């Protein structure tokens, strides 16, 4: 079975984390932004991370080269072109608006560029895309509410509210108001939980914030009753295997718990997180998991089915994607 060429969705990928070294350097020159790198291999060398914090320092440094609508369009379109190579049909893209607003880049510029790329990606590659408005948990809830309010007028391309940043010291309870406000405005919701933080962060995300989806969530395994609850709710976990290994959540891919979670009937999906920093796009992550854990053909297909089932899409569109997957699989088997 050729899983690489089967239709799939990616539900956890940060636009700013798809900034390849060559583009980072080109945008820095174009926008006269000083960064601590002069060659692509220097960026690659900086990707030897000790933990989440060491990654975030590089992530926030790199994105400073993005200043104009043109920059955001080019970065987003480059990811969608690369996603097309991995047979991605649906992409839900995290955006970090506070990282841009705090340095004087307007929401208008950001969303003009990202929106243009989304339209071009659908036209050129047939990829359906949407933005997850990703708040940063290291900042206050008041700022989070202001950032949610800044979304007004740009809702066309935004499907959900999300949250990233350092978990430790910034629990879900800190953001109850902003998540309630997002739901009141019809947004779906997700949050990074159970990556750096323990299982309690996942439980609180479910019970206090009422999220639809959990980003990462791998440490939910620490609490048996929580796993049972995730299965009962069929809550999607957007797992990022190469990221988890690079950030020392697991020492090796062979130590990753994705196979155990899948075999316990959790709705696990595979995603690339920040592919230019973690060494691989979606198919690279799938290949690493399948190889390290000897996933059966049925298990591999379940990961792809989960990716569509967990997407923030109407049920009829999910059904169409699943039908396309079934047809592509049948065609592979027939050939």
C-alpha atoms as a PDB file:
ATOM      1  CA  UNK A   1       0.000   0.000   0.000  1.00  0.00           C
ATOM      2  CA  UNK A   2       1.258   3.460  -0.958  1.00  0.00           C
ATOM      3  CA  UNK A   3      -0.007   5.629   1.895  1.00  0.00           C
ATOM      4  CA  UNK A   4       2.029   8.601   0.657  1.00  0.00           C
ATOM      5  CA  UNK A   5      -0.203   9.050  -2.380  1.00  0.00           C
ATOM      6  CA  UNK A   6      -3.544   8.517  -0.657  1.00  0.00           C
ATOM      7  CA  UNK A   7      -5.755  11.531   0.214  1.00  0.00           C
ATOM      8  CA  UNK A   8      -5.306  12.902   3.723  1.00  0.00           C
ATOM      9  CA  UNK A   9      -5.831  15.942   5.936  1.00  0.00           C
ATOM     10  CA  UNK A  10      -3.370  17.870   8.068  1.00  0.00           C
ATOM     11  CA  UNK A  11      -4.923  19.408  11.172  1.00  0.00           C
ATOM     12  CA  UNK A  12      -1.918  20.737  13.113  1.00  0.00           C
ATOM     13  CA  UNK A  13       0.616  22.797  11.163  1.00  0.00           C
ATOM     14  CA  UNK A  14       1.851  26.273  12.094  1.00  0.00           C
ATOM     15  CA  UNK A  15       2.213  28.640   9.143  1.00  0.00           C
ATOM     16  CA  UNK A  16       5.200  30.329  10.772  1.00  0.00           C
ATOM     17  CA  UNK A  17       6.733  26.895  11.409  1.00  0.00           C
ATOM     18  CA  UNK A  18       6.755  26.087   7.697  1.00  0.00           C
ATOM     19  CA  UNK A  19       9.202  28.909   6.996  1.00  0.00           C
ATOM     20  CA  UNK A  20      12.053  27.104   5.255  1.00  0.00           C
ATOM     21  CA  UNK A  21      15.601  28.427   5.861  1.00  0.00           C
ATOM     22  CA  UNK A  22      16.062  29.681   2.305  1.00  0.00           C
ATOM     23  CA  UNK A  23      12.836  31.672   2.456  1.00  0.00           C
ATOM     24  CA  UNK A  24      13.673  32.980   5.928  1.00  0.00           C
ATOM     25  CA  UNK A  25      16.944  34.389   4.625  1.00  0.00           C
ATOM     26  CA  UNK A  26      15.324  35.783   1.472  1.00  0.00           C
ATOM     27  CA  UNK A  27      12.576  37.569   3.400  1.00  0.00           C
ATOM     28  CA  UNK A  28      15.108  38.910   5.905  1.00  0.00           C
ATOM     29  CA  UNK A  29      17.062  40.491   3.036  1.00  0.00           C
ATOM     30  CA  UNK A  30      13.936  41.817   1.348  1.00  0.00           C
ATOM     31  CA  UNK A  31      12.578  43.381   4.525  1.00  0.00           C
ATOM     32  CA  UNK A  32      15.953  44.442   5.974  1.00  0.00           C
ATOM     33  CA  UNK A  33      15.420  42.345   9.124  1.00  0.00           C
ATOM     34  CA  UNK A  34      18.422  41.227  11.135  1.00  0.00           C
ATOM     35  CA  UNK A  35      18.426  37.552  12.110  1.00  0.00           C
ATOM     36  CA  UNK A  36      21.267  35.532  13.654  1.00  0.00           C
ATOM     37  CA  UNK A  37      21.773  33.420  10.513  1.00  0.00           C
ATOM     38  CA  UNK A  38      23.523  34.004   7.210  1.00  0.00           C
ATOM     39  CA  UNK A  39      23.137  30.574   5.581  1.00  0.00           C
ATOM     40  CA  UNK A  40      20.544  27.764   5.554  1.00  0.00           C
ATOM     41  CA  UNK A  41      22.861  25.323   7.314  1.00  0.00           C
ATOM     42  CA  UNK A  42      23.117  27.721  10.264  1.00  0.00           C
ATOM     43  CA  UNK A  43      19.343  27.568  10.683  1.00  0.00           C
ATOM     44  CA  UNK A  44      19.465  23.777  10.470  1.00  0.00           C
ATOM     45  CA  UNK A  45      22.187  23.675  13.133  1.00  0.00           C
ATOM     46  CA  UNK A  46      19.990  25.726  15.469  1.00  0.00           C
ATOM     47  CA  UNK A  47      17.288  23.024  15.299  1.00  0.00           C
ATOM     48  CA  UNK A  48      18.978  20.814  17.896  1.00  0.00           C
ATOM     49  CA  UNK A  49      16.381  21.537  20.564  1.00  0.00           C
ATOM     50  CA  UNK A  50      16.608  20.658  24.246  1.00  0.00           C
ATOM     51  CA  UNK A  51      12.923  21.280  25.008  1.00  0.00           C
ATOM     52  CA  UNK A  52       9.866  23.287  23.963  1.00  0.00           C
ATOM     53  CA  UNK A  53      11.334  26.564  25.207  1.00  0.00           C
ATOM     54  CA  UNK A  54      14.464  26.256  23.079  1.00  0.00           C
ATOM     55  CA  UNK A  55      12.290  25.674  20.012  1.00  0.00           C
ATOM     56  CA  UNK A  56       9.986  28.600  20.762  1.00  0.00           C
ATOM     57  CA  UNK A  57      12.977  30.957  20.941  1.00  0.00           C
ATOM     58  CA  UNK A  58      13.932  30.031  17.367  1.00  0.00           C
ATOM     59  CA  UNK A  59      10.307  30.032  16.175  1.00  0.00           C
ATOM     60  CA  UNK A  60       9.692  33.594  17.379  1.00  0.00           C
ATOM     61  CA  UNK A  61      13.034  34.789  16.028  1.00  0.00           C
ATOM     62  CA  UNK A  62      12.414  33.328  12.589  1.00  0.00           C
ATOM     63  CA  UNK A  63       8.944  34.743  12.066  1.00  0.00           C
ATOM     64  CA  UNK A  64      10.190  38.334  12.449  1.00  0.00           C
ATOM     65  CA  UNK A  65      11.136  38.272   8.763  1.00  0.00           C
ATOM     66  CA  UNK A  66       7.432  38.201   7.847  1.00  0.00           C
ATOM     67  CA  UNK A  67       6.278  41.814   7.544  1.00  0.00           C
ATOM     68  CA  UNK A  68       3.926  42.307   4.589  1.00  0.00           C
ATOM     69  CA  UNK A  69       0.887  40.671   3.036  1.00  0.00           C
ATOM     70  CA  UNK A  70       3.181  39.453   0.269  1.00  0.00           C
ATOM     71  CA  UNK A  71       5.367  37.656   2.822  1.00  0.00           C
ATOM     72  CA  UNK A  72       2.426  35.869   4.427  1.00  0.00           C
ATOM     73  CA  UNK A  73       1.064  34.879   1.038  1.00  0.00           C
ATOM     74  CA  UNK A  74       4.394  33.441  -0.117  1.00  0.00           C
ATOM     75  CA  UNK A  75       5.003  31.458   3.079  1.00  0.00           C
ATOM     76  CA  UNK A  76       1.483  30.045   3.181  1.00  0.00           C
ATOM     77  CA  UNK A  77       1.420  29.218  -0.525  1.00  0.00           C
ATOM     78  CA  UNK A  78       4.803  27.479  -0.278  1.00  0.00           C
ATOM     79  CA  UNK A  79       3.385  25.192   2.418  1.00  0.00           C
ATOM     80  CA  UNK A  80       0.276  24.420   0.354  1.00  0.00           C
ATOM     81  CA  UNK A  81       2.430  23.585  -2.683  1.00  0.00           C
ATOM     82  CA  UNK A  82       4.452  21.213  -0.493  1.00  0.00           C
ATOM     83  CA  UNK A  83       1.264  19.784   1.032  1.00  0.00           C
ATOM     84  CA  UNK A  84       0.030  18.975  -2.466  1.00  0.00           C
ATOM     85  CA  UNK A  85       3.063  16.702  -2.899  1.00  0.00           C
ATOM     86  CA  UNK A  86       1.860  14.748   0.157  1.00  0.00           C
ATOM     87  CA  UNK A  87      -1.679  14.345  -1.274  1.00  0.00           C
ATOM     88  CA  UNK A  88      -3.199  16.603   1.381  1.00  0.00           C
ATOM     89  CA  UNK A  89      -6.774  17.564   0.538  1.00  0.00           C
ATOM     90  CA  UNK A  90      -7.617  19.526   3.702  1.00  0.00           C
ATOM     91  CA  UNK A  91      -5.214  21.728   5.678  1.00  0.00           C
ATOM     92  CA  UNK A  92      -6.068  23.517   8.911  1.00  0.00           C
ATOM     93  CA  UNK A  93      -3.323  26.020   9.537  1.00  0.00           C
ATOM     94  CA  UNK A  94      -2.362  27.489  12.892  1.00  0.00           C
ATOM     95  CA  UNK A  95      -1.561  31.198  12.796  1.00  0.00           C
ATOM     96  CA  UNK A  96       0.037  33.131  15.697  1.00  0.00           C
ATOM     97  CA  UNK A  97      -1.537  36.618  15.464  1.00  0.00           C
ATOM     98  CA  UNK A  98      -0.057  37.946  18.719  1.00  0.00           C
ATOM     99  CA  UNK A  99       3.445  37.273  17.441  1.00  0.00           C
ATOM    100  CA  UNK A 100       2.694  39.662  14.579  1.00  0.00           C
ATOM    101  CA  UNK A 101       0.482  42.228  16.306  1.00  0.00           C
ATOM    102  CA  UNK A 102       3.073  42.692  19.054  1.00  0.00           C
ATOM    103  CA  UNK A 103       5.667  43.814  16.495  1.00  0.00           C
ATOM    104  CA  UNK A 104       3.392  46.171  14.616  1.00  0.00           C
ATOM    105  CA  UNK A 105       2.196  43.961  11.757  1.00  0.00           C
ATOM    106  CA  UNK A 106      -1.511  44.530  11.160  1.00  0.00           C
ATOM    107  CA  UNK A 107      -4.168  41.836  11.060  1.00  0.00           C
ATOM    108  CA  UNK A 108      -5.142  43.257   7.662  1.00  0.00           C
ATOM    109  CA  UNK A 109      -1.694  42.499   6.242  1.00  0.00           C
ATOM    110  CA  UNK A 110      -1.555  39.028   7.773  1.00  0.00           C
ATOM    111  CA  UNK A 111      -4.997  37.932   6.653  1.00  0.00           C
ATOM    112  CA  UNK A 112      -4.762  39.547   3.220  1.00  0.00           C
ATOM    113  CA  UNK A 113      -1.695  37.423   2.518  1.00  0.00           C
ATOM    114  CA  UNK A 114      -2.879  34.195   4.122  1.00  0.00           C
ATOM    115  CA  UNK A 115      -6.320  34.525   2.539  1.00  0.00           C
ATOM    116  CA  UNK A 116      -4.848  35.046  -0.934  1.00  0.00           C
ATOM    117  CA  UNK A 117      -2.723  31.929  -0.505  1.00  0.00           C
ATOM    118  CA  UNK A 118      -5.713  29.869   0.653  1.00  0.00           C
ATOM    119  CA  UNK A 119      -7.655  30.882  -2.438  1.00  0.00           C
ATOM    120  CA  UNK A 120      -4.671  30.139  -4.676  1.00  0.00           C
ATOM    121  CA  UNK A 121      -4.103  26.779  -2.990  1.00  0.00           C
ATOM    122  CA  UNK A 122      -7.661  25.716  -3.711  1.00  0.00           C
ATOM    123  CA  UNK A 123      -7.410  26.934  -7.301  1.00  0.00           C
ATOM    124  CA  UNK A 124      -4.001  25.422  -8.064  1.00  0.00           C
ATOM    125  CA  UNK A 125      -3.971  22.262  -5.927  1.00  0.00           C
ATOM    126  CA  UNK A 126      -7.564  21.546  -4.950  1.00  0.00           C
ATOM    127  CA  UNK A 127      -6.674  21.906  -1.250  1.00  0.00           C
ATOM    128  CA  UNK A 128      -9.395  23.114   1.103  1.00  0.00           C
ATOM    129  CA  UNK A 129      -7.728  25.245   3.802  1.00  0.00           C
ATOM    130  CA  UNK A 130      -8.692  27.255   6.857  1.00  0.00           C
ATOM    131  CA  UNK A 131      -6.963  29.159   9.654  1.00  0.00           C
ATOM    132  CA  UNK A 132      -6.870  28.323  13.356  1.00  0.00           C
ATOM    133  CA  UNK A 133      -6.576  31.642  15.236  1.00  0.00           C
ATOM    134  CA  UNK A 134      -3.785  30.566  17.570  1.00  0.00           C
ATOM    135  CA  UNK A 135      -3.461  32.478  20.827  1.00  0.00           C
ATOM    136  CA  UNK A 136      -0.296  32.392  22.970  1.00  0.00           C
ATOM    137  CA  UNK A 137      -0.837  31.118  26.512  1.00  0.00           C
ATOM    138  CA  UNK A 138       2.184  32.917  28.007  1.00  0.00           C
ATOM    139  CA  UNK A 139       0.260  36.183  27.696  1.00  0.00           C
ATOM    140  CA  UNK A 140      -2.785  37.358  29.668  1.00  0.00           C
ATOM    141  CA  UNK A 141      -6.396  36.434  29.032  1.00  0.00           C
ATOM    142  CA  UNK A 142      -7.163  40.126  28.532  1.00  0.00           C
ATOM    143  CA  UNK A 143      -4.733  40.172  25.615  1.00  0.00           C
ATOM    144  CA  UNK A 144      -6.235  36.926  24.344  1.00  0.00           C
ATOM    145  CA  UNK A 145      -9.680  38.541  24.341  1.00  0.00           C
ATOM    146  CA  UNK A 146      -8.310  41.569  22.484  1.00  0.00           C
ATOM    147  CA  UNK A 147      -6.709  39.279  19.911  1.00  0.00           C
ATOM    148  CA  UNK A 148      -9.951  37.401  19.435  1.00  0.00           C
ATOM    149  CA  UNK A 149     -11.696  40.737  18.939  1.00  0.00           C
ATOM    150  CA  UNK A 150      -9.083  41.674  16.311  1.00  0.00           C
ATOM    151  CA  UNK A 151     -10.428  38.817  14.200  1.00  0.00           C
ATOM    152  CA  UNK A 152     -13.593  40.790  13.393  1.00  0.00           C
ATOM    153  CA  UNK A 153     -13.827  41.442   9.687  1.00  0.00           C
ATOM    154  CA  UNK A 154     -11.470  38.574   8.833  1.00  0.00           C
ATOM    155  CA  UNK A 155     -13.664  35.595   9.721  1.00  0.00           C
ATOM    156  CA  UNK A 156     -13.918  34.323   6.128  1.00  0.00           C
ATOM    157  CA  UNK A 157     -10.832  32.143   6.406  1.00  0.00           C
ATOM    158  CA  UNK A 158     -10.883  31.304  10.136  1.00  0.00           C
ATOM    159  CA  UNK A 159     -12.516  28.095  11.340  1.00  0.00           C
ATOM    160  CA  UNK A 160     -11.380  27.767  14.964  1.00  0.00           C
ATOM    161  CA  UNK A 161      -9.726  29.280  18.003  1.00  0.00           C
ATOM    162  CA  UNK A 162      -6.575  27.508  19.152  1.00  0.00           C
ATOM    163  CA  UNK A 163      -3.761  28.051  21.623  1.00  0.00           C
ATOM    164  CA  UNK A 164      -0.050  27.266  21.727  1.00  0.00           C
ATOM    165  CA  UNK A 165       3.014  28.383  23.640  1.00  0.00           C
ATOM    166  CA  UNK A 166       4.521  27.096  26.896  1.00  0.00           C
ATOM    167  CA  UNK A 167       2.076  24.899  28.829  1.00  0.00           C
ATOM    168  CA  UNK A 168       3.793  24.837  32.206  1.00  0.00           C
ATOM    169  CA  UNK A 169       2.454  27.655  34.351  1.00  0.00           C
ATOM    170  CA  UNK A 170      -0.263  28.515  31.818  1.00  0.00           C
ATOM    171  CA  UNK A 171      -3.072  25.998  32.425  1.00  0.00           C
ATOM    172  CA  UNK A 172      -6.354  25.908  30.473  1.00  0.00           C
ATOM    173  CA  UNK A 173      -8.225  27.467  33.422  1.00  0.00           C
ATOM    174  CA  UNK A 174      -6.462  30.751  32.639  1.00  0.00           C
ATOM    175  CA  UNK A 175      -8.481  31.118  29.414  1.00  0.00           C
ATOM    176  CA  UNK A 176     -12.063  30.143  30.205  1.00  0.00           C
ATOM    177  CA  UNK A 177     -13.524  33.502  29.139  1.00  0.00           C
ATOM    178  CA  UNK A 178     -11.879  33.635  25.736  1.00  0.00           C
ATOM    179  CA  UNK A 179     -12.911  30.079  24.860  1.00  0.00           C
ATOM    180  CA  UNK A 180     -16.494  30.781  25.904  1.00  0.00           C
ATOM    181  CA  UNK A 181     -16.416  33.928  23.759  1.00  0.00           C
ATOM    182  CA  UNK A 182     -15.079  31.991  20.763  1.00  0.00           C
ATOM    183  CA  UNK A 183     -17.838  29.398  21.042  1.00  0.00           C
ATOM    184  CA  UNK A 184     -20.429  32.176  21.301  1.00  0.00           C
ATOM    185  CA  UNK A 185     -19.142  33.481  17.959  1.00  0.00           C
ATOM    186  CA  UNK A 186     -19.479  30.079  16.313  1.00  0.00           C
ATOM    187  CA  UNK A 187     -15.807  29.132  16.215  1.00  0.00           C
ATOM    188  CA  UNK A 188     -14.658  25.577  16.799  1.00  0.00           C
ATOM    189  CA  UNK A 189     -11.984  25.185  19.483  1.00  0.00           C
ATOM    190  CA  UNK A 190      -8.721  23.375  20.052  1.00  0.00           C
ATOM    191  CA  UNK A 191      -5.660  23.773  22.300  1.00  0.00           C
ATOM    192  CA  UNK A 192      -2.145  22.416  22.733  1.00  0.00           C
ATOM    193  CA  UNK A 193      -2.310  20.180  25.805  1.00  0.00           C
ATOM    194  CA  UNK A 194      -0.475  17.139  27.072  1.00  0.00           C
ATOM    195  CA  UNK A 195       2.734  17.872  25.185  1.00  0.00           C
ATOM    196  CA  UNK A 196       4.845  19.678  27.780  1.00  0.00           C
ATOM    197  CA  UNK A 197       2.126  19.559  30.450  1.00  0.00           C
ATOM    198  CA  UNK A 198       0.821  16.392  32.086  1.00  0.00           C
ATOM    199  CA  UNK A 199      -2.538  14.670  31.652  1.00  0.00           C
ATOM    200  CA  UNK A 200      -4.303  17.251  33.828  1.00  0.00           C
ATOM    201  CA  UNK A 201      -3.854  19.837  31.076  1.00  0.00           C
ATOM    202  CA  UNK A 202      -5.803  17.600  28.700  1.00  0.00           C
ATOM    203  CA  UNK A 203      -8.563  16.964  31.221  1.00  0.00           C
ATOM    204  CA  UNK A 204      -8.904  20.663  32.035  1.00  0.00           C
ATOM    205  CA  UNK A 205      -9.014  21.513  28.324  1.00  0.00           C
ATOM    206  CA  UNK A 206     -11.961  19.159  27.953  1.00  0.00           C
ATOM    207  CA  UNK A 207     -13.813  19.985  31.148  1.00  0.00           C
ATOM    208  CA  UNK A 208     -13.058  23.690  31.682  1.00  0.00           C
ATOM    209  CA  UNK A 209     -12.729  24.929  28.105  1.00  0.00           C
ATOM    210  CA  UNK A 210     -14.975  22.415  26.340  1.00  0.00           C
ATOM    211  CA  UNK A 211     -12.625  22.101  23.382  1.00  0.00           C
ATOM    212  CA  UNK A 212     -13.542  20.100  20.302  1.00  0.00           C
ATOM    213  CA  UNK A 213     -10.011  18.864  19.666  1.00  0.00           C
ATOM    214  CA  UNK A 214      -6.684  18.431  21.482  1.00  0.00           C
ATOM    215  CA  UNK A 215      -3.351  19.317  19.862  1.00  0.00           C
ATOM    216  CA  UNK A 216      -0.719  16.723  20.816  1.00  0.00           C
ATOM    217  CA  UNK A 217      -2.448  15.120  23.822  1.00  0.00           C
ATOM    218  CA  UNK A 218       0.078  12.300  24.082  1.00  0.00           C
ATOM    219  CA  UNK A 219       0.397  12.551  27.864  1.00  0.00           C
ATOM    220  CA  UNK A 220      -3.303  11.801  28.295  1.00  0.00           C
ATOM    221  CA  UNK A 221      -2.107   8.195  28.497  1.00  0.00           C
ATOM    222  CA  UNK A 222      -0.949   8.899  32.051  1.00  0.00           C
ATOM    223  CA  UNK A 223      -4.570   8.806  33.238  1.00  0.00           C
ATOM    224  CA  UNK A 224      -6.609   5.740  32.275  1.00  0.00           C
ATOM    225  CA  UNK A 225      -9.991   7.327  32.944  1.00  0.00           C
ATOM    226  CA  UNK A 226      -9.061  10.278  30.741  1.00  0.00           C
ATOM    227  CA  UNK A 227      -8.207   7.959  27.865  1.00  0.00           C
ATOM    228  CA  UNK A 228     -11.596   6.298  28.256  1.00  0.00           C
ATOM    229  CA  UNK A 229     -13.274   9.708  28.188  1.00  0.00           C
ATOM    230  CA  UNK A 230     -11.417  10.731  25.037  1.00  0.00           C
ATOM    231  CA  UNK A 231     -12.518   7.505  23.382  1.00  0.00           C
ATOM    232  CA  UNK A 232     -16.113   7.995  24.514  1.00  0.00           C
ATOM    233  CA  UNK A 233     -16.216  11.541  23.143  1.00  0.00           C
ATOM    234  CA  UNK A 234     -14.198  10.590  20.034  1.00  0.00           C
ATOM    235  CA  UNK A 235     -12.052  13.664  20.645  1.00  0.00           C
ATOM    236  CA  UNK A 236      -9.446  14.056  17.930  1.00  0.00           C
ATOM    237  CA  UNK A 237      -5.783  14.211  19.002  1.00  0.00           C
ATOM    238  CA  UNK A 238      -3.562  16.009  16.485  1.00  0.00           C
ATOM    239  CA  UNK A 239      -0.318  14.187  17.244  1.00  0.00           C
ATOM    240  CA  UNK A 240       2.999  15.424  15.790  1.00  0.00           C
ATOM    241  CA  UNK A 241       5.488  12.532  16.080  1.00  0.00           C
ATOM    242  CA  UNK A 242       8.691  14.077  14.685  1.00  0.00           C
ATOM    243  CA  UNK A 243       8.049  17.194  16.760  1.00  0.00           C
ATOM    244  CA  UNK A 244       7.590  15.099  19.908  1.00  0.00           C
ATOM    245  CA  UNK A 245      10.938  13.395  19.351  1.00  0.00           C
ATOM    246  CA  UNK A 246      12.776  16.620  18.458  1.00  0.00           C
ATOM    247  CA  UNK A 247      11.422  18.315  21.603  1.00  0.00           C
ATOM    248  CA  UNK A 248      12.345  15.355  23.828  1.00  0.00           C
ATOM    249  CA  UNK A 249       8.782  14.360  24.732  1.00  0.00           C
ATOM    250  CA  UNK A 250      10.004  10.918  23.606  1.00  0.00           C
ATOM    251  CA  UNK A 251      13.637   9.928  23.177  1.00  0.00           C
ATOM    252  CA  UNK A 252      13.091   7.946  19.988  1.00  0.00           C
ATOM    253  CA  UNK A 253      10.271   7.329  17.532  1.00  0.00           C
ATOM    254  CA  UNK A 254      10.222   3.741  18.781  1.00  0.00           C
ATOM    255  CA  UNK A 255       9.318   5.107  22.240  1.00  0.00           C
ATOM    256  CA  UNK A 256       6.403   7.193  20.967  1.00  0.00           C
ATOM    257  CA  UNK A 257       2.982   6.108  22.205  1.00  0.00           C
ATOM    258  CA  UNK A 258       1.044   6.810  18.997  1.00  0.00           C
ATOM    259  CA  UNK A 259       0.553   3.123  18.213  1.00  0.00           C
ATOM    260  CA  UNK A 260      -0.722   2.397  21.720  1.00  0.00           C
ATOM    261  CA  UNK A 261      -3.134   5.314  21.538  1.00  0.00           C
ATOM    262  CA  UNK A 262      -4.391   4.206  18.144  1.00  0.00           C
ATOM    263  CA  UNK A 263      -4.856   0.629  19.336  1.00  0.00           C
ATOM    264  CA  UNK A 264      -6.865   1.893  22.312  1.00  0.00           C
ATOM    265  CA  UNK A 265      -9.327   3.369  19.791  1.00  0.00           C
ATOM    266  CA  UNK A 266      -8.414   7.010  20.329  1.00  0.00           C
ATOM    267  CA  UNK A 267      -9.033   9.207  17.296  1.00  0.00           C
ATOM    268  CA  UNK A 268      -5.354   9.854  16.657  1.00  0.00           C
ATOM    269  CA  UNK A 269      -4.111  11.811  13.650  1.00  0.00           C
ATOM    270  CA  UNK A 270      -0.579  12.435  12.353  1.00  0.00           C
ATOM    271  CA  UNK A 271       0.620  15.975  11.608  1.00  0.00           C
ATOM    272  CA  UNK A 272       3.852  17.884  11.005  1.00  0.00           C
ATOM    273  CA  UNK A 273       3.519  20.779  13.523  1.00  0.00           C
ATOM    274  CA  UNK A 274       6.456  22.971  12.374  1.00  0.00           C
ATOM    275  CA  UNK A 275       7.932  20.960   9.496  1.00  0.00           C
ATOM    276  CA  UNK A 276      10.855  23.208   8.601  1.00  0.00           C
ATOM    277  CA  UNK A 277      12.135  23.012  12.189  1.00  0.00           C
ATOM    278  CA  UNK A 278      11.340  19.379  13.015  1.00  0.00           C
ATOM    279  CA  UNK A 279      12.698  17.652   9.944  1.00  0.00           C
ATOM    280  CA  UNK A 280       9.669  16.523   8.014  1.00  0.00           C
ATOM    281  CA  UNK A 281       6.288  17.165   6.450  1.00  0.00           C
ATOM    282  CA  UNK A 282       3.190  15.018   6.849  1.00  0.00           C
ATOM    283  CA  UNK A 283       4.281  12.006   4.814  1.00  0.00           C
ATOM    284  CA  UNK A 284       7.641  12.027   6.597  1.00  0.00           C
ATOM    285  CA  UNK A 285       5.801  11.797   9.920  1.00  0.00           C
ATOM    286  CA  UNK A 286       3.574   8.996   8.655  1.00  0.00           C
ATOM    287  CA  UNK A 287       6.547   7.053   7.322  1.00  0.00           C
ATOM    288  CA  UNK A 288       8.437   7.423  10.601  1.00  0.00           C
ATOM    289  CA  UNK A 289       5.459   6.129  12.610  1.00  0.00           C
ATOM    290  CA  UNK A 290       4.679   3.256  10.278  1.00  0.00           C
ATOM    291  CA  UNK A 291       8.304   2.124  10.236  1.00  0.00           C
ATOM    292  CA  UNK A 292       9.007   2.463  13.957  1.00  0.00           C
ATOM    293  CA  UNK A 293       5.790   0.756  15.040  1.00  0.00           C
ATOM    294  CA  UNK A 294       5.134  -1.672  12.180  1.00  0.00           C
ATOM    295  CA  UNK A 295       1.636  -0.297  11.715  1.00  0.00           C
ATOM    296  CA  UNK A 296      -0.637  -2.601   9.748  1.00  0.00           C
ATOM    297  CA  UNK A 297      -2.281  -1.472   6.531  1.00  0.00           C
ATOM    298  CA  UNK A 298      -5.594  -1.152   8.369  1.00  0.00           C
ATOM    299  CA  UNK A 299      -3.960   1.014  11.046  1.00  0.00           C
ATOM    300  CA  UNK A 300      -2.376   3.264   8.460  1.00  0.00           C
ATOM    301  CA  UNK A 301      -5.724   3.762   6.739  1.00  0.00           C
ATOM    302  CA  UNK A 302      -7.361   4.469  10.095  1.00  0.00           C
ATOM    303  CA  UNK A 303      -4.922   7.349  10.627  1.00  0.00           C
ATOM    304  CA  UNK A 304      -5.988   8.842   7.300  1.00  0.00           C
ATOM    305  CA  UNK A 305      -9.679   8.315   8.020  1.00  0.00           C
ATOM    306  CA  UNK A 306      -9.190   9.958  11.414  1.00  0.00           C
ATOM    307  CA  UNK A 307      -7.616  12.984   9.762  1.00  0.00           C
ATOM    308  CA  UNK A 308     -10.784  13.686   7.790  1.00  0.00           C
ATOM    309  CA  UNK A 309     -13.156  12.693  10.601  1.00  0.00           C
ATOM    310  CA  UNK A 310     -11.421  15.170  12.920  1.00  0.00           C
ATOM    311  CA  UNK A 311     -11.433  18.079  10.471  1.00  0.00           C
ATOM    312  CA  UNK A 312     -13.439  21.206  11.220  1.00  0.00           C
ATOM    313  CA  UNK A 313     -15.723  20.640   8.252  1.00  0.00           C
ATOM    314  CA  UNK A 314     -19.450  20.025   7.725  1.00  0.00           C
ATOM    315  CA  UNK A 315     -20.390  16.345   7.830  1.00  0.00           C
ATOM    316  CA  UNK A 316     -21.207  16.183   4.118  1.00  0.00           C
ATOM    317  CA  UNK A 317     -17.735  17.441   3.203  1.00  0.00           C
ATOM    318  CA  UNK A 318     -16.098  14.957   5.569  1.00  0.00           C
ATOM    319  CA  UNK A 319     -18.139  12.202   3.928  1.00  0.00           C
ATOM    320  CA  UNK A 320     -16.948  13.303   0.468  1.00  0.00           C
ATOM    321  CA  UNK A 321     -13.313  13.206   1.563  1.00  0.00           C
ATOM    322  CA  UNK A 322     -13.755   9.742   3.076  1.00  0.00           C
ATOM    323  CA  UNK A 323     -15.380   8.517  -0.141  1.00  0.00           C
ATOM    324  CA  UNK A 324     -12.432   9.862  -2.133  1.00  0.00           C
ATOM    325  CA  UNK A 325     -10.066   8.032   0.219  1.00  0.00           C
ATOM    326  CA  UNK A 326     -11.991   4.780  -0.214  1.00  0.00           C
ATOM    327  CA  UNK A 327     -11.965   5.162  -3.983  1.00  0.00           C
ATOM    328  CA  UNK A 328      -8.237   5.911  -4.079  1.00  0.00           C
ATOM    329  CA  UNK A 329      -7.528   2.906  -1.879  1.00  0.00           C
ATOM    330  CA  UNK A 330      -9.658   0.660  -4.095  1.00  0.00           C
ATOM    331  CA  UNK A 331      -7.813   1.914  -7.174  1.00  0.00           C
ATOM    332  CA  UNK A 332      -4.461   1.144  -5.545  1.00  0.00           C
ATOM    333  CA  UNK A 333      -5.549  -2.354  -4.657  1.00  0.00           C
ATOM    334  CA  UNK A 334      -6.900  -2.977  -8.142  1.00  0.00           C
ATOM    335  CA  UNK A 335      -3.603  -1.952  -9.723  1.00  0.00           C
END
